[in-house]
Amino acid sequence: MKKFIPFATMAALAVSLFTARAEEAKDGWKSLFNGKDLTGWKVNEENPSAFSVSDGAIHIKGGRSHLFYAGEVNGAKFKNFEFKAKVMTKKNANSGIYFATEYQKDGWPSKGYECQVNNSFDKDPRRTASLYAVKDVNEKLVPDDTWFDYSIKVEDKKITLSINGKVVTEYTEKEGDPRGGGMEGRWIKDGGTFAFQAHDPGCEAFYKDIMVKPLP
């Protein structure tokens, strides 16, 4: 038997959606992910099957690969911005959020910064909210199997990473800061796009409610 939704309920849902979109436009936040498929995103050639969509979230599971934002928002290039997403890791997940980067068909992205996502992968001591290999965090801040808020803010040369609304990492670029070990491209410069990382075959993580607010 088909189940019909009352017109009043449908109307209320439509009003709610319109209000949410109006509020989004008002405060400057823009969605980067439609919750249904990977439209606007480009996976590299290394291991495309590592990325899928499940229950409204980007699902990462598999060997090394990276998924780059290539959609219409701001021409997929961001220098000063606020970024936020809800993240959940499974045990032994090792993932990351890149910014100021660009599409690369394989390997670790050589341009931009990686914001670490690691709550229980003990082979790497750098935990969630590390600005990877630039300013690291060794404390476990959140558990696996729990959604948490991850925020990144970039203003000129200052980078701020927050977890569940609490500032954890602050770093300001300075000329002459050390960059080595293949990480010579970890600078903001003219900005770039975002990317999610699938690190290894044991990695499983989820990202949803992915939003950005471009700043002057």
N, C-alpha and C. Protein backbone atom coordinates (compact mmCIF):
# COMPACT_ATOMS: atom_id res chain seq x y z
N MET A 1 0.85 -1.20 0.00
CA MET A 1 0.00 0.00 0.00
C MET A 1 0.88 1.24 0.00
N LYS A 2 0.57 2.17 -0.89
CA LYS A 2 1.33 3.40 -0.95
C LYS A 2 1.01 4.30 0.24
N LYS A 3 2.02 4.95 0.72
CA LYS A 3 1.83 5.87 1.82
C LYS A 3 1.90 7.30 1.30
N PHE A 4 0.81 8.04 1.50
CA PHE A 4 0.74 9.40 0.99
C PHE A 4 1.12 10.40 2.08
N ILE A 5 1.89 11.39 1.67
CA ILE A 5 2.27 12.45 2.60
C ILE A 5 1.28 13.58 2.49
N PRO A 6 0.66 13.98 3.59
CA PRO A 6 -0.32 15.07 3.54
C PRO A 6 0.26 16.33 2.93
N PHE A 7 -0.59 17.05 2.19
CA PHE A 7 -0.14 18.27 1.52
C PHE A 7 0.45 19.26 2.51
N ALA A 8 -0.18 19.36 3.69
CA ALA A 8 0.31 20.31 4.69
C ALA A 8 1.72 19.98 5.13
N THR A 9 2.00 18.68 5.23
CA THR A 9 3.35 18.25 5.63
C THR A 9 4.35 18.59 4.54
N MET A 10 3.95 18.33 3.28
CA MET A 10 4.83 18.65 2.15
C MET A 10 5.11 20.14 2.09
N ALA A 11 4.08 20.93 2.32
CA ALA A 11 4.24 22.39 2.29
C ALA A 11 5.18 22.85 3.39
N ALA A 12 5.03 22.25 4.57
CA ALA A 12 5.90 22.62 5.69
C ALA A 12 7.35 22.28 5.39
N LEU A 13 7.56 21.12 4.75
CA LEU A 13 8.91 20.73 4.39
C LEU A 13 9.51 21.70 3.36
N ALA A 14 8.69 22.09 2.40
CA ALA A 14 9.15 23.02 1.37
C ALA A 14 9.53 24.36 1.99
N VAL A 15 8.70 24.84 2.93
CA VAL A 15 8.99 26.11 3.60
C VAL A 15 10.29 25.99 4.40
N SER A 16 10.46 24.85 5.08
CA SER A 16 11.66 24.64 5.88
C SER A 16 12.91 24.65 5.00
N LEU A 17 12.82 23.97 3.84
CA LEU A 17 13.95 23.93 2.92
C LEU A 17 14.26 25.32 2.38
N PHE A 18 13.20 26.06 2.00
CA PHE A 18 13.39 27.42 1.48
C PHE A 18 14.04 28.30 2.54
N THR A 19 13.58 28.18 3.78
CA THR A 19 14.13 28.99 4.87
C THR A 19 15.59 28.66 5.10
N ALA A 20 15.93 27.36 5.06
CA ALA A 20 17.32 26.95 5.28
C ALA A 20 18.22 27.50 4.18
N ARG A 21 17.73 27.43 2.92
CA ARG A 21 18.55 27.94 1.82
C ARG A 21 18.69 29.45 1.89
N ALA A 22 17.63 30.13 2.31
CA ALA A 22 17.69 31.58 2.44
C ALA A 22 18.68 31.97 3.53
N GLU A 23 18.66 31.22 4.63
CA GLU A 23 19.58 31.50 5.73
C GLU A 23 21.01 31.24 5.29
N GLU A 24 21.21 30.16 4.51
CA GLU A 24 22.53 29.83 3.99
C GLU A 24 23.06 30.98 3.14
N ALA A 25 22.21 31.49 2.25
CA ALA A 25 22.62 32.58 1.38
C ALA A 25 22.91 33.84 2.19
N LYS A 26 22.13 34.06 3.23
CA LYS A 26 22.26 35.25 4.04
C LYS A 26 23.59 35.31 4.77
N ASP A 27 24.01 34.19 5.34
CA ASP A 27 25.24 34.21 6.13
C ASP A 27 26.48 33.85 5.32
N GLY A 28 26.32 33.59 4.04
CA GLY A 28 27.47 33.39 3.17
C GLY A 28 27.97 31.97 3.03
N TRP A 29 27.39 31.03 3.75
CA TRP A 29 27.83 29.64 3.65
C TRP A 29 27.29 29.01 2.37
N LYS A 30 28.14 28.21 1.71
CA LYS A 30 27.75 27.53 0.48
C LYS A 30 28.08 26.05 0.61
N SER A 31 27.16 25.21 0.12
CA SER A 31 27.36 23.77 0.20
C SER A 31 28.29 23.29 -0.92
N LEU A 32 29.19 22.37 -0.58
CA LEU A 32 30.09 21.78 -1.56
C LEU A 32 29.70 20.35 -1.92
N PHE A 33 28.69 19.80 -1.25
CA PHE A 33 28.32 18.40 -1.44
C PHE A 33 26.81 18.26 -1.36
N ASN A 34 26.21 17.62 -2.39
CA ASN A 34 24.74 17.54 -2.43
C ASN A 34 24.16 16.40 -1.62
N GLY A 35 24.99 15.56 -1.03
CA GLY A 35 24.50 14.47 -0.18
C GLY A 35 23.97 13.28 -0.95
N LYS A 36 24.01 13.33 -2.30
CA LYS A 36 23.45 12.24 -3.12
C LYS A 36 24.49 11.53 -3.96
N ASP A 37 25.43 12.30 -4.52
CA ASP A 37 26.46 11.72 -5.38
C ASP A 37 27.68 12.63 -5.36
N LEU A 38 28.67 12.31 -6.17
CA LEU A 38 29.93 13.05 -6.14
C LEU A 38 30.00 14.14 -7.21
N THR A 39 28.83 14.65 -7.61
CA THR A 39 28.80 15.79 -8.52
C THR A 39 29.61 16.95 -7.94
N GLY A 40 30.50 17.51 -8.74
CA GLY A 40 31.33 18.62 -8.28
C GLY A 40 32.64 18.18 -7.65
N TRP A 41 32.87 16.88 -7.61
CA TRP A 41 34.10 16.35 -7.04
C TRP A 41 34.80 15.48 -8.08
N LYS A 42 36.12 15.42 -8.01
CA LYS A 42 36.90 14.65 -8.98
C LYS A 42 37.90 13.76 -8.24
N VAL A 43 37.73 12.45 -8.38
CA VAL A 43 38.66 11.51 -7.75
C VAL A 43 39.85 11.28 -8.67
N ASN A 44 41.03 11.13 -8.08
CA ASN A 44 42.19 10.92 -8.94
C ASN A 44 42.24 9.49 -9.46
N GLU A 45 43.28 9.18 -10.23
CA GLU A 45 43.33 7.92 -10.96
C GLU A 45 43.86 6.75 -10.14
N GLU A 46 44.32 7.02 -8.94
CA GLU A 46 45.03 6.00 -8.18
C GLU A 46 44.14 4.87 -7.69
N ASN A 47 42.98 5.23 -7.11
CA ASN A 47 42.08 4.22 -6.54
C ASN A 47 40.67 4.80 -6.45
N PRO A 48 40.01 5.04 -7.58
CA PRO A 48 38.72 5.72 -7.58
C PRO A 48 37.64 5.05 -6.73
N SER A 49 37.71 3.74 -6.56
CA SER A 49 36.67 3.03 -5.82
C SER A 49 36.71 3.32 -4.32
N ALA A 50 37.71 4.06 -3.87
CA ALA A 50 37.82 4.38 -2.44
C ALA A 50 36.75 5.36 -1.99
N PHE A 51 36.08 6.04 -2.95
CA PHE A 51 35.10 7.06 -2.59
C PHE A 51 33.72 6.70 -3.13
N SER A 52 32.71 6.83 -2.26
CA SER A 52 31.32 6.60 -2.65
C SER A 52 30.45 7.48 -1.77
N VAL A 53 29.15 7.41 -1.97
CA VAL A 53 28.21 8.17 -1.15
C VAL A 53 27.28 7.19 -0.45
N SER A 54 27.14 7.35 0.87
CA SER A 54 26.32 6.45 1.67
C SER A 54 25.58 7.24 2.73
N ASP A 55 24.26 7.14 2.75
CA ASP A 55 23.43 7.80 3.77
C ASP A 55 23.77 9.28 3.92
N GLY A 56 23.91 9.95 2.77
CA GLY A 56 24.12 11.40 2.79
C GLY A 56 25.53 11.84 3.12
N ALA A 57 26.48 10.91 3.09
CA ALA A 57 27.85 11.25 3.43
C ALA A 57 28.81 10.70 2.38
N ILE A 58 29.94 11.36 2.21
CA ILE A 58 31.02 10.80 1.42
C ILE A 58 31.67 9.70 2.25
N HIS A 59 31.68 8.50 1.70
CA HIS A 59 32.22 7.33 2.39
C HIS A 59 33.58 7.00 1.80
N ILE A 60 34.59 6.96 2.66
CA ILE A 60 35.95 6.65 2.23
C ILE A 60 36.32 5.28 2.77
N LYS A 61 36.69 4.40 1.89
CA LYS A 61 37.12 3.07 2.31
C LYS A 61 37.99 2.46 1.22
N GLY A 62 39.26 2.27 1.52
CA GLY A 62 40.13 1.68 0.52
C GLY A 62 41.52 2.25 0.53
N GLY A 63 42.32 1.87 -0.45
CA GLY A 63 43.71 2.29 -0.53
C GLY A 63 43.88 3.74 -0.88
N ARG A 64 45.13 4.16 -0.99
CA ARG A 64 45.45 5.58 -1.16
C ARG A 64 44.78 6.17 -2.40
N SER A 65 44.10 7.30 -2.18
CA SER A 65 43.47 8.05 -3.25
C SER A 65 43.03 9.39 -2.69
N HIS A 66 42.72 10.33 -3.57
CA HIS A 66 42.28 11.65 -3.12
C HIS A 66 41.12 12.14 -3.97
N LEU A 67 40.18 12.80 -3.31
CA LEU A 67 38.97 13.33 -3.95
C LEU A 67 39.01 14.84 -3.87
N PHE A 68 39.05 15.51 -5.02
CA PHE A 68 39.24 16.97 -5.09
C PHE A 68 37.93 17.67 -5.43
N TYR A 69 37.68 18.80 -4.75
CA TYR A 69 36.51 19.60 -5.11
C TYR A 69 36.79 20.29 -6.44
N ALA A 70 35.85 20.12 -7.41
CA ALA A 70 36.01 20.71 -8.74
C ALA A 70 34.70 21.33 -9.20
N GLY A 71 33.88 21.75 -8.25
CA GLY A 71 32.56 22.28 -8.57
C GLY A 71 32.56 23.77 -8.89
N GLU A 72 31.36 24.35 -8.87
CA GLU A 72 31.18 25.73 -9.31
C GLU A 72 31.42 26.77 -8.22
N VAL A 73 31.33 26.38 -6.97
CA VAL A 73 31.45 27.38 -5.90
C VAL A 73 32.82 28.06 -5.95
N ASN A 74 32.81 29.36 -6.12
CA ASN A 74 34.03 30.19 -6.13
C ASN A 74 35.06 29.72 -7.15
N GLY A 75 34.56 29.06 -8.20
CA GLY A 75 35.48 28.56 -9.22
C GLY A 75 36.42 27.50 -8.70
N ALA A 76 36.03 26.84 -7.59
CA ALA A 76 36.83 25.79 -6.95
C ALA A 76 38.22 26.30 -6.55
N LYS A 77 38.28 27.58 -6.18
CA LYS A 77 39.55 28.14 -5.71
C LYS A 77 39.28 29.04 -4.51
N PHE A 78 39.96 28.75 -3.42
CA PHE A 78 39.71 29.44 -2.16
C PHE A 78 41.03 29.82 -1.52
N LYS A 79 41.13 31.08 -1.09
CA LYS A 79 42.32 31.53 -0.37
C LYS A 79 41.95 31.88 1.06
N ASN A 80 41.09 32.87 1.25
CA ASN A 80 40.57 33.20 2.57
C ASN A 80 39.17 32.61 2.69
N PHE A 81 38.92 31.85 3.73
CA PHE A 81 37.64 31.13 3.82
C PHE A 81 37.44 30.55 5.22
N GLU A 82 36.20 30.15 5.47
CA GLU A 82 35.87 29.25 6.58
C GLU A 82 35.29 27.99 5.96
N PHE A 83 35.74 26.85 6.43
CA PHE A 83 35.29 25.55 5.94
C PHE A 83 34.80 24.74 7.14
N LYS A 84 33.71 23.99 6.94
CA LYS A 84 33.26 23.12 8.02
C LYS A 84 32.65 21.84 7.44
N ALA A 85 32.79 20.77 8.20
CA ALA A 85 32.21 19.49 7.81
C ALA A 85 32.00 18.66 9.07
N LYS A 86 31.08 17.72 8.98
CA LYS A 86 30.93 16.72 10.03
C LYS A 86 31.71 15.49 9.59
N VAL A 87 32.46 14.91 10.52
CA VAL A 87 33.37 13.82 10.22
C VAL A 87 33.13 12.67 11.19
N MET A 88 33.26 11.46 10.69
CA MET A 88 33.24 10.29 11.56
C MET A 88 34.29 9.30 11.07
N THR A 89 35.06 8.75 12.00
CA THR A 89 36.07 7.76 11.67
C THR A 89 35.69 6.40 12.26
N LYS A 90 36.11 5.35 11.57
CA LYS A 90 36.05 4.00 12.12
C LYS A 90 37.44 3.68 12.67
N LYS A 91 37.55 2.60 13.43
CA LYS A 91 38.82 2.25 14.06
C LYS A 91 39.93 2.11 13.02
N ASN A 92 41.08 2.68 13.32
CA ASN A 92 42.28 2.65 12.48
C ASN A 92 42.16 3.50 11.22
N ALA A 93 41.16 4.38 11.17
CA ALA A 93 41.06 5.27 10.01
C ALA A 93 42.19 6.30 10.04
N ASN A 94 42.74 6.56 8.87
CA ASN A 94 43.72 7.63 8.69
C ASN A 94 43.30 8.37 7.44
N SER A 95 42.84 9.61 7.61
CA SER A 95 42.34 10.39 6.49
C SER A 95 42.83 11.82 6.66
N GLY A 96 42.31 12.72 5.85
CA GLY A 96 42.72 14.11 5.97
C GLY A 96 41.91 15.01 5.06
N ILE A 97 41.93 16.29 5.38
CA ILE A 97 41.28 17.33 4.58
C ILE A 97 42.37 18.27 4.09
N TYR A 98 42.53 18.35 2.77
CA TYR A 98 43.51 19.27 2.18
C TYR A 98 42.83 20.59 1.81
N PHE A 99 43.60 21.68 1.90
CA PHE A 99 43.14 22.95 1.35
C PHE A 99 44.31 23.63 0.65
N ALA A 100 44.01 24.61 -0.18
CA ALA A 100 45.01 25.30 -1.00
C ALA A 100 45.77 24.31 -1.87
N THR A 101 45.07 23.27 -2.31
CA THR A 101 45.70 22.24 -3.12
C THR A 101 45.17 22.28 -4.54
N GLU A 102 45.58 21.32 -5.37
CA GLU A 102 45.09 21.22 -6.74
C GLU A 102 45.08 19.76 -7.15
N TYR A 103 44.28 19.47 -8.19
CA TYR A 103 44.14 18.09 -8.66
C TYR A 103 45.50 17.50 -9.02
N GLN A 104 45.68 16.26 -8.61
CA GLN A 104 46.90 15.52 -8.89
C GLN A 104 46.47 14.07 -9.16
N LYS A 105 46.92 13.49 -10.25
CA LYS A 105 46.36 12.20 -10.66
C LYS A 105 46.75 11.04 -9.76
N ASP A 106 47.87 11.16 -9.03
CA ASP A 106 48.25 10.10 -8.09
C ASP A 106 49.23 10.67 -7.06
N GLY A 107 49.55 9.86 -6.08
CA GLY A 107 50.49 10.27 -5.05
C GLY A 107 49.87 11.19 -4.01
N TRP A 108 50.68 11.55 -3.01
CA TRP A 108 50.23 12.51 -1.99
C TRP A 108 50.22 13.90 -2.62
N PRO A 109 49.17 14.69 -2.43
CA PRO A 109 49.15 16.03 -3.00
C PRO A 109 50.38 16.84 -2.58
N SER A 110 51.05 17.42 -3.55
CA SER A 110 52.28 18.14 -3.27
C SER A 110 52.04 19.61 -2.94
N LYS A 111 50.84 20.09 -3.20
CA LYS A 111 50.52 21.49 -2.96
C LYS A 111 49.48 21.61 -1.85
N GLY A 112 49.65 22.60 -1.00
CA GLY A 112 48.67 22.88 0.04
C GLY A 112 48.93 22.14 1.34
N TYR A 113 48.02 22.36 2.30
CA TYR A 113 48.13 21.80 3.64
C TYR A 113 47.17 20.62 3.82
N GLU A 114 47.58 19.69 4.68
CA GLU A 114 46.68 18.61 5.09
C GLU A 114 46.29 18.81 6.55
N CYS A 115 44.99 18.79 6.80
CA CYS A 115 44.46 18.82 8.16
C CYS A 115 44.15 17.37 8.54
N GLN A 116 44.89 16.84 9.48
CA GLN A 116 44.85 15.41 9.78
C GLN A 116 43.51 14.96 10.36
N VAL A 117 43.09 13.76 9.98
CA VAL A 117 41.94 13.07 10.56
C VAL A 117 42.43 11.69 10.98
N ASN A 118 42.68 11.53 12.27
CA ASN A 118 43.22 10.28 12.80
C ASN A 118 42.91 10.21 14.29
N ASN A 119 42.01 9.32 14.66
CA ASN A 119 41.64 9.17 16.06
C ASN A 119 42.15 7.88 16.69
N SER A 120 42.61 6.93 15.88
CA SER A 120 43.08 5.66 16.46
C SER A 120 44.11 4.93 15.61
N PHE A 121 44.62 5.56 14.56
CA PHE A 121 45.64 4.93 13.71
C PHE A 121 47.00 5.14 14.37
N ASP A 122 47.45 4.15 15.12
CA ASP A 122 48.61 4.34 15.99
C ASP A 122 49.94 4.30 15.25
N LYS A 123 49.94 3.93 13.97
CA LYS A 123 51.19 3.94 13.22
C LYS A 123 51.64 5.37 12.92
N ASP A 124 50.76 6.32 13.10
CA ASP A 124 51.09 7.73 12.91
C ASP A 124 50.66 8.48 14.15
N PRO A 125 51.58 9.10 14.88
CA PRO A 125 51.23 9.80 16.12
C PRO A 125 50.49 11.11 15.91
N ARG A 126 50.44 11.60 14.68
CA ARG A 126 49.77 12.87 14.41
C ARG A 126 48.26 12.65 14.41
N ARG A 127 47.57 13.30 15.34
CA ARG A 127 46.13 13.08 15.52
C ARG A 127 45.30 14.17 14.85
N THR A 128 43.99 13.96 14.91
CA THR A 128 43.02 14.92 14.37
C THR A 128 43.33 16.34 14.86
N ALA A 129 43.27 17.29 13.94
CA ALA A 129 43.54 18.72 14.16
C ALA A 129 45.01 19.06 14.02
N SER A 130 45.84 18.07 13.64
CA SER A 130 47.21 18.41 13.25
C SER A 130 47.20 19.13 11.90
N LEU A 131 47.99 20.16 11.78
CA LEU A 131 48.30 20.74 10.48
C LEU A 131 49.54 19.96 10.05
N TYR A 132 49.32 18.92 9.30
CA TYR A 132 50.25 17.81 9.17
C TYR A 132 51.69 18.23 8.87
N ALA A 133 52.59 17.78 9.79
CA ALA A 133 54.04 18.00 9.66
C ALA A 133 54.43 19.48 9.73
N VAL A 134 53.47 20.34 10.07
CA VAL A 134 53.76 21.77 10.24
C VAL A 134 53.52 22.16 11.70
N LYS A 135 52.34 21.84 12.22
CA LYS A 135 52.05 21.99 13.65
C LYS A 135 51.15 20.83 14.04
N ASP A 136 51.73 19.88 14.77
CA ASP A 136 51.05 18.61 15.02
C ASP A 136 50.41 18.53 16.40
N VAL A 137 49.39 17.70 16.49
CA VAL A 137 48.67 17.42 17.73
C VAL A 137 48.82 15.93 18.01
N ASN A 138 49.22 15.57 19.21
CA ASN A 138 49.39 14.17 19.57
C ASN A 138 48.29 13.65 20.49
N GLU A 139 47.43 14.54 20.95
CA GLU A 139 46.34 14.15 21.86
C GLU A 139 45.14 13.66 21.07
N LYS A 140 44.52 12.57 21.57
CA LYS A 140 43.29 12.07 20.96
C LYS A 140 42.13 12.92 21.44
N LEU A 141 41.50 13.64 20.53
CA LEU A 141 40.47 14.61 20.91
C LEU A 141 39.06 14.05 20.87
N VAL A 142 38.79 13.15 19.93
CA VAL A 142 37.44 12.59 19.76
C VAL A 142 37.53 11.08 19.53
N PRO A 143 36.50 10.34 19.87
CA PRO A 143 36.52 8.89 19.65
C PRO A 143 36.09 8.52 18.24
N ASP A 144 36.38 7.29 17.86
CA ASP A 144 35.84 6.75 16.62
C ASP A 144 34.33 6.56 16.76
N ASP A 145 33.67 6.34 15.62
CA ASP A 145 32.23 6.02 15.58
C ASP A 145 31.35 7.12 16.14
N THR A 146 31.85 8.36 16.09
CA THR A 146 31.09 9.51 16.60
C THR A 146 31.26 10.67 15.62
N TRP A 147 30.15 11.29 15.22
CA TRP A 147 30.24 12.46 14.36
C TRP A 147 30.81 13.63 15.15
N PHE A 148 31.74 14.36 14.55
CA PHE A 148 32.27 15.56 15.20
C PHE A 148 32.43 16.66 14.14
N ASP A 149 32.47 17.90 14.62
CA ASP A 149 32.59 19.07 13.74
C ASP A 149 34.05 19.43 13.54
N TYR A 150 34.43 19.58 12.28
CA TYR A 150 35.81 19.95 11.94
C TYR A 150 35.74 21.27 11.18
N SER A 151 36.42 22.28 11.69
CA SER A 151 36.39 23.61 11.06
C SER A 151 37.80 24.07 10.73
N ILE A 152 37.92 24.69 9.57
CA ILE A 152 39.19 25.26 9.11
C ILE A 152 38.93 26.71 8.72
N LYS A 153 39.75 27.60 9.23
CA LYS A 153 39.61 29.01 8.87
C LYS A 153 40.97 29.53 8.40
N VAL A 154 40.98 30.19 7.26
CA VAL A 154 42.21 30.77 6.73
C VAL A 154 41.96 32.25 6.46
N GLU A 155 42.76 33.08 7.06
CA GLU A 155 42.71 34.54 6.84
C GLU A 155 44.13 35.01 6.56
N ASP A 156 44.37 35.38 5.30
CA ASP A 156 45.71 35.77 4.87
C ASP A 156 46.69 34.63 5.15
N LYS A 157 47.58 34.78 6.11
CA LYS A 157 48.56 33.74 6.39
C LYS A 157 48.25 32.96 7.68
N LYS A 158 47.12 33.25 8.31
CA LYS A 158 46.77 32.59 9.56
C LYS A 158 45.80 31.44 9.32
N ILE A 159 46.11 30.27 9.90
CA ILE A 159 45.29 29.06 9.78
C ILE A 159 44.81 28.67 11.17
N THR A 160 43.51 28.41 11.30
CA THR A 160 42.93 28.00 12.58
C THR A 160 42.11 26.73 12.37
N LEU A 161 42.40 25.70 13.15
CA LEU A 161 41.65 24.45 13.11
C LEU A 161 40.88 24.28 14.42
N SER A 162 39.58 23.99 14.31
CA SER A 162 38.73 23.80 15.49
C SER A 162 38.01 22.47 15.41
N ILE A 163 37.84 21.84 16.56
CA ILE A 163 37.10 20.58 16.68
C ILE A 163 35.95 20.81 17.66
N ASN A 164 34.73 20.53 17.19
CA ASN A 164 33.53 20.72 18.00
C ASN A 164 33.48 22.12 18.61
N GLY A 165 33.87 23.10 17.80
CA GLY A 165 33.78 24.50 18.22
C GLY A 165 34.92 25.00 19.06
N LYS A 166 35.89 24.15 19.39
CA LYS A 166 37.02 24.54 20.22
C LYS A 166 38.26 24.68 19.36
N VAL A 167 38.92 25.84 19.45
CA VAL A 167 40.16 26.05 18.70
C VAL A 167 41.24 25.12 19.25
N VAL A 168 41.86 24.35 18.36
CA VAL A 168 42.91 23.40 18.76
C VAL A 168 44.27 23.82 18.21
N THR A 169 44.30 24.23 16.94
CA THR A 169 45.57 24.52 16.28
C THR A 169 45.52 25.89 15.62
N GLU A 170 46.50 26.71 15.89
CA GLU A 170 46.66 28.01 15.23
C GLU A 170 48.09 28.10 14.70
N TYR A 171 48.19 28.57 13.49
CA TYR A 171 49.51 28.68 12.87
C TYR A 171 49.49 29.84 11.88
N THR A 172 50.53 30.65 11.90
CA THR A 172 50.67 31.75 10.96
C THR A 172 51.94 31.55 10.15
N GLU A 173 51.78 31.51 8.83
CA GLU A 173 52.94 31.33 7.96
C GLU A 173 53.95 32.46 8.14
N LYS A 174 55.22 32.09 8.15
CA LYS A 174 56.29 33.08 8.20
C LYS A 174 57.33 32.70 7.17
N GLU A 175 57.82 33.68 6.46
CA GLU A 175 58.85 33.42 5.47
C GLU A 175 60.05 32.76 6.13
N GLY A 176 60.52 31.70 5.52
CA GLY A 176 61.66 30.98 6.08
C GLY A 176 61.29 29.82 6.95
N ASP A 177 59.97 29.61 7.20
CA ASP A 177 59.55 28.42 7.96
C ASP A 177 60.04 27.16 7.25
N PRO A 178 60.49 26.16 8.01
CA PRO A 178 61.03 24.95 7.37
C PRO A 178 59.96 24.15 6.64
N ARG A 179 60.31 23.67 5.46
CA ARG A 179 59.46 22.77 4.68
C ARG A 179 60.40 21.75 4.03
N GLY A 180 60.27 20.51 4.43
CA GLY A 180 61.15 19.49 3.87
C GLY A 180 60.42 18.18 3.71
N GLY A 181 61.14 17.14 3.32
CA GLY A 181 60.56 15.81 3.21
C GLY A 181 59.46 15.71 2.20
N GLY A 182 59.58 16.44 1.08
CA GLY A 182 58.54 16.39 0.06
C GLY A 182 57.37 17.30 0.33
N MET A 183 57.46 18.14 1.35
CA MET A 183 56.36 19.03 1.72
C MET A 183 56.67 20.49 1.43
N GLU A 184 57.51 20.70 0.44
CA GLU A 184 57.92 22.06 0.11
C GLU A 184 56.75 22.91 -0.42
N GLY A 185 55.67 22.28 -0.86
CA GLY A 185 54.52 23.01 -1.39
C GLY A 185 53.47 23.36 -0.37
N ARG A 186 53.78 23.17 0.92
CA ARG A 186 52.79 23.45 1.96
C ARG A 186 52.78 24.93 2.31
N TRP A 187 52.14 25.69 1.43
CA TRP A 187 51.96 27.14 1.60
C TRP A 187 50.58 27.50 1.07
N ILE A 188 50.04 28.61 1.56
CA ILE A 188 48.74 29.08 1.08
C ILE A 188 48.89 29.72 -0.30
N LYS A 189 49.86 30.60 -0.44
CA LYS A 189 50.10 31.34 -1.68
C LYS A 189 48.78 31.89 -2.25
N ASP A 190 48.40 31.47 -3.46
CA ASP A 190 47.18 31.98 -4.07
C ASP A 190 45.97 31.12 -3.76
N GLY A 191 46.10 30.18 -2.85
CA GLY A 191 44.99 29.31 -2.49
C GLY A 191 44.84 28.15 -3.44
N GLY A 192 43.68 27.51 -3.39
CA GLY A 192 43.42 26.34 -4.22
C GLY A 192 42.11 25.70 -3.81
N THR A 193 41.99 24.42 -4.05
CA THR A 193 40.75 23.73 -3.76
C THR A 193 40.90 22.85 -2.52
N PHE A 194 39.85 22.07 -2.22
CA PHE A 194 39.85 21.14 -1.10
C PHE A 194 39.96 19.72 -1.62
N ALA A 195 40.42 18.81 -0.75
CA ALA A 195 40.47 17.39 -1.11
C ALA A 195 40.35 16.55 0.14
N PHE A 196 39.75 15.36 -0.02
CA PHE A 196 39.70 14.38 1.06
C PHE A 196 40.65 13.24 0.73
N GLN A 197 41.22 12.67 1.76
CA GLN A 197 42.23 11.63 1.58
C GLN A 197 41.74 10.26 2.03
N ALA A 198 41.99 9.26 1.17
CA ALA A 198 41.91 7.86 1.57
C ALA A 198 43.36 7.42 1.69
N HIS A 199 43.79 7.04 2.87
CA HIS A 199 45.21 6.86 3.14
C HIS A 199 45.73 5.46 2.84
N ASP A 200 44.95 4.44 3.22
CA ASP A 200 45.44 3.07 3.11
C ASP A 200 44.25 2.12 3.11
N PRO A 201 44.46 0.83 2.82
CA PRO A 201 43.33 -0.11 2.73
C PRO A 201 42.49 -0.23 4.00
N GLY A 202 43.08 0.06 5.16
CA GLY A 202 42.32 -0.05 6.41
C GLY A 202 41.56 1.20 6.79
N CYS A 203 41.64 2.24 5.96
CA CYS A 203 40.99 3.51 6.28
C CYS A 203 39.50 3.46 5.97
N GLU A 204 38.66 3.87 6.91
CA GLU A 204 37.23 4.06 6.66
C GLU A 204 36.77 5.29 7.43
N ALA A 205 36.27 6.27 6.70
CA ALA A 205 35.82 7.52 7.30
C ALA A 205 34.66 8.09 6.50
N PHE A 206 33.96 9.04 7.12
CA PHE A 206 32.77 9.63 6.51
C PHE A 206 32.82 11.15 6.66
N TYR A 207 32.35 11.87 5.62
CA TYR A 207 32.26 13.33 5.65
C TYR A 207 30.89 13.75 5.13
N LYS A 208 30.25 14.69 5.82
CA LYS A 208 28.95 15.20 5.36
C LYS A 208 28.82 16.67 5.78
N ASP A 209 27.71 17.29 5.33
CA ASP A 209 27.43 18.70 5.66
C ASP A 209 28.66 19.56 5.37
N ILE A 210 29.19 19.42 4.17
CA ILE A 210 30.45 20.07 3.80
C ILE A 210 30.13 21.47 3.25
N MET A 211 30.61 22.49 3.95
CA MET A 211 30.26 23.86 3.64
C MET A 211 31.48 24.76 3.62
N VAL A 212 31.40 25.85 2.86
CA VAL A 212 32.47 26.83 2.84
C VAL A 212 31.87 28.22 2.82
N LYS A 213 32.57 29.14 3.45
CA LYS A 213 32.20 30.57 3.38
C LYS A 213 33.43 31.33 2.90
N PRO A 214 33.44 31.73 1.61
CA PRO A 214 34.57 32.53 1.12
C PRO A 214 34.67 33.85 1.89
N LEU A 215 35.89 34.26 2.18
CA LEU A 215 36.14 35.51 2.90
C LEU A 215 36.93 36.47 2.01
N PRO A 216 36.84 37.76 2.26
CA PRO A 216 37.58 38.73 1.45
C PRO A 216 39.08 38.50 1.53
